[in-house]
Structures are given as C-alpha cells and as structure tokens.
N, C-alpha and C. Protein backbone atom coordinates (compact mmCIF):
# COMPACT_ATOMS: atom_id res chain seq x y z
N MET A 1 11.11 -6.42 109.77
CA MET A 1 11.79 -6.41 108.45
C MET A 1 11.73 -7.79 107.85
N SER A 2 11.32 -7.83 106.58
CA SER A 2 11.25 -9.18 105.97
C SER A 2 12.55 -9.70 105.50
N LYS A 3 12.74 -10.96 105.45
CA LYS A 3 13.97 -11.60 104.99
C LYS A 3 14.08 -11.46 103.46
N SER A 4 15.26 -11.36 103.01
CA SER A 4 15.53 -11.40 101.59
C SER A 4 15.33 -12.79 101.08
N LYS A 5 14.95 -12.89 99.86
CA LYS A 5 14.76 -14.24 99.29
C LYS A 5 15.64 -14.32 98.07
N ILE A 6 16.49 -15.37 98.05
CA ILE A 6 17.42 -15.60 96.97
C ILE A 6 16.97 -16.83 96.24
N ALA A 7 17.00 -16.82 94.95
CA ALA A 7 16.77 -18.00 94.16
C ALA A 7 18.07 -18.44 93.59
N ILE A 8 18.46 -19.66 93.89
CA ILE A 8 19.78 -20.16 93.37
C ILE A 8 19.39 -21.27 92.33
N ILE A 9 19.64 -21.00 91.06
CA ILE A 9 19.28 -21.90 90.02
C ILE A 9 20.53 -22.46 89.37
N MET A 10 20.44 -23.68 88.96
CA MET A 10 21.57 -24.37 88.34
C MET A 10 21.16 -25.03 87.06
N GLY A 11 22.08 -25.03 86.11
CA GLY A 11 21.78 -25.66 84.82
C GLY A 11 21.72 -27.15 84.83
N SER A 12 22.23 -27.79 85.87
CA SER A 12 22.28 -29.26 85.92
C SER A 12 22.32 -29.74 87.42
N LYS A 13 21.84 -30.96 87.60
CA LYS A 13 21.90 -31.52 88.96
C LYS A 13 23.38 -31.70 89.40
N SER A 14 24.28 -31.86 88.47
CA SER A 14 25.69 -32.03 88.82
C SER A 14 26.28 -30.72 89.46
N ASP A 15 25.58 -29.67 89.33
CA ASP A 15 26.06 -28.36 89.89
C ASP A 15 25.69 -28.25 91.38
N LEU A 16 24.82 -29.14 91.91
CA LEU A 16 24.41 -29.02 93.29
C LEU A 16 25.57 -29.09 94.28
N ASP A 17 26.53 -29.93 94.01
CA ASP A 17 27.65 -30.03 94.96
C ASP A 17 28.44 -28.75 95.00
N VAL A 18 28.64 -28.13 93.90
CA VAL A 18 29.42 -26.86 93.75
C VAL A 18 28.69 -25.80 94.50
N MET A 19 27.36 -25.72 94.43
CA MET A 19 26.65 -24.65 95.01
C MET A 19 26.32 -24.85 96.48
N MET A 20 26.76 -25.90 97.12
CA MET A 20 26.49 -26.16 98.58
C MET A 20 27.06 -25.01 99.35
N GLY A 21 28.15 -24.39 98.96
CA GLY A 21 28.65 -23.31 99.70
C GLY A 21 27.69 -22.10 99.78
N ALA A 22 27.00 -21.85 98.66
CA ALA A 22 25.99 -20.75 98.61
C ALA A 22 24.84 -21.11 99.53
N PHE A 23 24.38 -22.30 99.52
CA PHE A 23 23.30 -22.76 100.44
C PHE A 23 23.75 -22.57 101.90
N ASP A 24 24.97 -22.95 102.19
CA ASP A 24 25.46 -22.82 103.58
C ASP A 24 25.53 -21.41 104.02
N ILE A 25 26.00 -20.50 103.14
CA ILE A 25 26.06 -19.07 103.50
C ILE A 25 24.72 -18.49 103.78
N CYS A 26 23.73 -18.85 102.93
CA CYS A 26 22.37 -18.33 103.16
C CYS A 26 21.87 -18.87 104.48
N LYS A 27 22.07 -20.10 104.81
CA LYS A 27 21.65 -20.63 106.07
C LYS A 27 22.35 -19.92 107.23
N LYS A 28 23.65 -19.73 107.11
CA LYS A 28 24.42 -19.08 108.15
C LYS A 28 23.83 -17.66 108.50
N PHE A 29 23.45 -16.94 107.52
CA PHE A 29 22.97 -15.56 107.70
C PHE A 29 21.44 -15.51 107.79
N GLY A 30 20.77 -16.64 107.82
CA GLY A 30 19.32 -16.64 107.95
C GLY A 30 18.59 -16.07 106.73
N ILE A 31 19.18 -16.23 105.58
CA ILE A 31 18.52 -15.73 104.35
C ILE A 31 17.70 -16.82 103.74
N GLU A 32 16.48 -16.51 103.54
CA GLU A 32 15.52 -17.46 102.89
C GLU A 32 16.00 -17.65 101.43
N PHE A 33 16.06 -18.91 101.02
CA PHE A 33 16.50 -19.19 99.60
C PHE A 33 15.73 -20.43 99.06
N GLU A 34 15.71 -20.45 97.74
CA GLU A 34 15.17 -21.64 97.06
C GLU A 34 16.20 -22.09 96.08
N LYS A 35 16.21 -23.38 95.79
CA LYS A 35 17.06 -23.90 94.79
C LYS A 35 16.33 -24.65 93.73
N LYS A 36 16.77 -24.43 92.49
CA LYS A 36 16.08 -25.10 91.39
C LYS A 36 17.10 -25.55 90.36
N VAL A 37 16.80 -26.61 89.67
CA VAL A 37 17.63 -27.04 88.57
C VAL A 37 16.79 -26.80 87.28
N MET A 38 17.34 -26.05 86.37
CA MET A 38 16.71 -25.76 85.08
C MET A 38 17.78 -25.33 84.04
N SER A 39 17.54 -25.71 82.86
CA SER A 39 18.54 -25.48 81.84
C SER A 39 18.02 -24.47 80.78
N ALA A 40 18.79 -23.50 80.44
CA ALA A 40 18.48 -22.55 79.38
C ALA A 40 18.30 -23.25 78.05
N HIS A 41 18.94 -24.40 77.93
CA HIS A 41 18.87 -25.16 76.71
C HIS A 41 17.77 -26.22 76.67
N ARG A 42 17.75 -27.05 77.75
CA ARG A 42 16.84 -28.21 77.77
C ARG A 42 15.43 -27.87 78.30
N THR A 43 15.33 -26.94 79.20
CA THR A 43 14.05 -26.56 79.78
C THR A 43 13.78 -25.06 79.73
N HIS A 44 13.92 -24.53 78.53
CA HIS A 44 13.83 -23.08 78.32
C HIS A 44 12.47 -22.50 78.73
N ASP A 45 11.42 -23.22 78.52
CA ASP A 45 10.09 -22.69 78.90
C ASP A 45 10.04 -22.55 80.46
N MET A 46 10.63 -23.49 81.14
CA MET A 46 10.64 -23.45 82.60
C MET A 46 11.44 -22.21 83.08
N VAL A 47 12.63 -22.00 82.43
CA VAL A 47 13.47 -20.92 82.76
C VAL A 47 12.76 -19.57 82.57
N ALA A 48 12.06 -19.45 81.41
CA ALA A 48 11.33 -18.23 81.07
C ALA A 48 10.24 -17.94 82.08
N ALA A 49 9.46 -18.96 82.40
CA ALA A 49 8.37 -18.80 83.34
C ALA A 49 8.94 -18.40 84.77
N PHE A 50 10.00 -19.08 85.17
CA PHE A 50 10.57 -18.76 86.45
C PHE A 50 11.08 -17.27 86.43
N ALA A 51 11.83 -16.86 85.46
CA ALA A 51 12.38 -15.56 85.40
C ALA A 51 11.29 -14.49 85.43
N LYS A 52 10.30 -14.70 84.63
CA LYS A 52 9.18 -13.68 84.48
C LYS A 52 8.34 -13.52 85.77
N ASN A 53 8.29 -14.60 86.56
CA ASN A 53 7.50 -14.60 87.79
C ASN A 53 8.33 -14.48 89.06
N ALA A 54 9.60 -14.40 89.04
CA ALA A 54 10.43 -14.42 90.20
C ALA A 54 10.18 -13.22 91.08
N LYS A 55 10.04 -12.02 90.56
CA LYS A 55 9.88 -10.87 91.34
C LYS A 55 8.50 -10.92 92.11
N SER A 56 7.50 -11.36 91.43
CA SER A 56 6.16 -11.39 92.03
C SER A 56 6.04 -12.51 93.08
N SER A 57 6.94 -13.51 92.99
CA SER A 57 6.99 -14.58 94.01
C SER A 57 7.88 -14.20 95.17
N GLY A 58 8.41 -13.00 95.23
CA GLY A 58 9.16 -12.59 96.40
C GLY A 58 10.67 -12.69 96.29
N VAL A 59 11.16 -13.17 95.15
CA VAL A 59 12.59 -13.29 94.98
C VAL A 59 13.15 -11.87 94.89
N LYS A 60 14.32 -11.66 95.47
CA LYS A 60 15.00 -10.35 95.45
C LYS A 60 16.26 -10.39 94.58
N VAL A 61 16.95 -11.57 94.54
CA VAL A 61 18.22 -11.72 93.81
C VAL A 61 18.23 -13.16 93.30
N ILE A 62 18.81 -13.28 92.07
CA ILE A 62 18.92 -14.68 91.48
C ILE A 62 20.40 -14.93 91.28
N ILE A 63 20.80 -16.13 91.74
CA ILE A 63 22.15 -16.61 91.43
C ILE A 63 21.96 -17.72 90.44
N ALA A 64 22.61 -17.56 89.26
CA ALA A 64 22.45 -18.59 88.23
C ALA A 64 23.77 -19.23 87.90
N ALA A 65 23.87 -20.50 88.19
CA ALA A 65 25.12 -21.26 88.03
C ALA A 65 24.97 -22.20 86.83
N ALA A 66 25.98 -22.17 85.98
CA ALA A 66 25.96 -23.06 84.82
C ALA A 66 27.41 -23.22 84.29
N GLY A 67 27.62 -24.35 83.62
CA GLY A 67 28.93 -24.61 83.04
C GLY A 67 28.81 -24.67 81.48
N GLY A 68 29.92 -24.84 80.93
CA GLY A 68 29.95 -24.94 79.45
C GLY A 68 29.54 -23.68 78.77
N ALA A 69 28.43 -23.77 77.99
CA ALA A 69 27.96 -22.60 77.28
C ALA A 69 27.44 -21.55 78.24
N ALA A 70 26.94 -21.99 79.42
CA ALA A 70 26.63 -21.07 80.52
C ALA A 70 25.74 -19.93 80.14
N HIS A 71 24.66 -20.25 79.44
CA HIS A 71 23.67 -19.18 79.02
C HIS A 71 22.64 -18.84 80.05
N LEU A 72 22.53 -19.65 81.14
CA LEU A 72 21.47 -19.51 82.11
C LEU A 72 21.36 -18.10 82.71
N ALA A 73 22.45 -17.55 83.17
CA ALA A 73 22.33 -16.22 83.76
C ALA A 73 21.91 -15.09 82.77
N GLY A 74 22.40 -15.22 81.53
CA GLY A 74 22.04 -14.23 80.52
C GLY A 74 20.60 -14.31 80.13
N VAL A 75 20.12 -15.54 80.00
CA VAL A 75 18.71 -15.76 79.61
C VAL A 75 17.79 -15.22 80.74
N VAL A 76 18.13 -15.56 81.96
CA VAL A 76 17.30 -15.12 83.08
C VAL A 76 17.35 -13.55 83.21
N ALA A 77 18.58 -12.95 83.08
CA ALA A 77 18.73 -11.51 83.12
C ALA A 77 17.88 -10.85 82.12
N ALA A 78 17.69 -11.43 80.89
CA ALA A 78 16.95 -10.82 79.85
C ALA A 78 15.41 -10.84 80.13
N LEU A 79 15.06 -11.64 81.12
CA LEU A 79 13.57 -11.84 81.35
C LEU A 79 13.12 -11.34 82.70
N THR A 80 13.99 -10.74 83.47
CA THR A 80 13.56 -10.28 84.81
C THR A 80 14.25 -8.91 85.14
N PRO A 81 13.56 -8.08 85.85
CA PRO A 81 14.22 -6.81 86.28
C PRO A 81 15.09 -7.00 87.52
N LEU A 82 15.12 -8.23 88.10
CA LEU A 82 15.90 -8.48 89.31
C LEU A 82 17.41 -8.56 88.99
N PRO A 83 18.18 -8.31 90.00
CA PRO A 83 19.70 -8.48 89.83
C PRO A 83 19.94 -10.03 89.63
N VAL A 84 20.80 -10.36 88.68
CA VAL A 84 21.18 -11.74 88.39
C VAL A 84 22.67 -11.84 88.54
N ILE A 85 23.15 -12.82 89.35
CA ILE A 85 24.54 -13.02 89.53
C ILE A 85 24.86 -14.30 88.82
N GLY A 86 25.75 -14.23 87.77
CA GLY A 86 26.13 -15.38 87.02
C GLY A 86 27.31 -16.06 87.75
N PHE A 87 27.20 -17.38 87.90
CA PHE A 87 28.28 -18.21 88.62
C PHE A 87 28.70 -19.23 87.64
N PRO A 88 29.90 -19.07 87.07
CA PRO A 88 30.38 -20.08 86.11
C PRO A 88 30.89 -21.32 86.80
N ILE A 89 30.53 -22.49 86.32
CA ILE A 89 30.91 -23.78 86.90
C ILE A 89 32.11 -24.29 86.14
N VAL A 90 33.05 -24.82 86.84
CA VAL A 90 34.21 -25.39 86.25
C VAL A 90 33.80 -26.63 85.42
N THR A 91 34.44 -26.70 84.21
CA THR A 91 34.18 -27.86 83.30
C THR A 91 35.53 -28.56 83.05
N ASN A 92 35.46 -29.75 82.47
CA ASN A 92 36.61 -30.50 82.10
C ASN A 92 37.20 -29.89 80.80
N MET A 93 36.39 -29.32 79.97
CA MET A 93 36.88 -28.87 78.67
C MET A 93 38.00 -27.84 78.75
N MET A 94 37.77 -26.76 79.46
CA MET A 94 38.74 -25.67 79.50
C MET A 94 39.01 -25.26 80.99
N GLY A 95 38.72 -26.14 81.90
CA GLY A 95 38.96 -25.83 83.29
C GLY A 95 37.99 -24.74 83.81
N GLY A 96 36.91 -24.46 83.16
CA GLY A 96 36.01 -23.46 83.61
C GLY A 96 36.08 -22.12 82.82
N LEU A 97 37.18 -21.98 82.05
CA LEU A 97 37.37 -20.71 81.30
C LEU A 97 36.18 -20.54 80.30
N ASP A 98 35.79 -21.64 79.66
CA ASP A 98 34.63 -21.57 78.76
C ASP A 98 33.41 -21.05 79.46
N SER A 99 33.14 -21.52 80.69
CA SER A 99 31.99 -21.10 81.50
C SER A 99 32.11 -19.66 81.93
N LEU A 100 33.30 -19.27 82.29
CA LEU A 100 33.53 -17.84 82.72
C LEU A 100 33.28 -16.89 81.50
N LEU A 101 33.85 -17.20 80.41
CA LEU A 101 33.67 -16.38 79.20
C LEU A 101 32.28 -16.34 78.78
N SER A 102 31.57 -17.43 78.80
CA SER A 102 30.16 -17.47 78.39
C SER A 102 29.27 -16.63 79.35
N THR A 103 29.59 -16.76 80.65
CA THR A 103 28.80 -16.04 81.64
C THR A 103 29.02 -14.56 81.58
N ILE A 104 30.19 -14.11 81.49
CA ILE A 104 30.43 -12.61 81.46
C ILE A 104 30.02 -12.00 80.12
N SER A 105 30.08 -12.79 79.03
CA SER A 105 29.66 -12.24 77.73
C SER A 105 28.11 -12.05 77.65
N ASN A 106 27.37 -12.70 78.52
CA ASN A 106 25.96 -12.58 78.55
C ASN A 106 25.53 -11.26 79.13
N PHE A 107 26.40 -10.51 79.82
CA PHE A 107 26.05 -9.26 80.45
C PHE A 107 26.73 -8.21 79.66
C-alpha cells in the first residue's frame, strides 16, 4: 500500500512555527508530506501552478494555512479536485477571528 502524501502550504514563513504540530503528526504516523510557503496574494502564479499540478504529483490532501485575509485555501480549492483543509492562523488584528471568517467563507 502506498503512503498518503499531504501538502502543507502556508501563506508566510511566519506560519512555519504554528504548523510544526502538523509536521510532527505526519512524522508520527509515517505520512509522507511536503511543506511550501506561497501566498495567494504575493505569489499567485506559484499557487495556481501548485494547485493545478498537485494531484498529478501524488498529493492526496492539501492543508492550507494562512492568516489575515486567508484566501490561500479558497484559491487552492478552486484550482484542484483534491480535498483542501483550510487552517486559519491567529493574527494580532482580531485574535484570528479574521482568519477564521476568511477561511470558512472561501468554502
């Protein structure tokens, strides 16, 4: 049986510390994963290329973490048939409520 492959993408390098728990869980269960930093706003061409090619590269599930406007999960979900899990990152502005509302409104 082949291992599942998860792509964990983040809107900013500052999100890496928050997502360490996800990396640790994948390692604990022996799940192959990749991590990438890309922004739906600043690197939209990179996000589009990644999302459109994720399935053919063996990715089974995408976890998209972003704060603030948090459009990353919605943009990726619009461009791939794969399941996308939006993960809102806490911000200073509204304690993460802004990220949560932006993430869930994308779906």
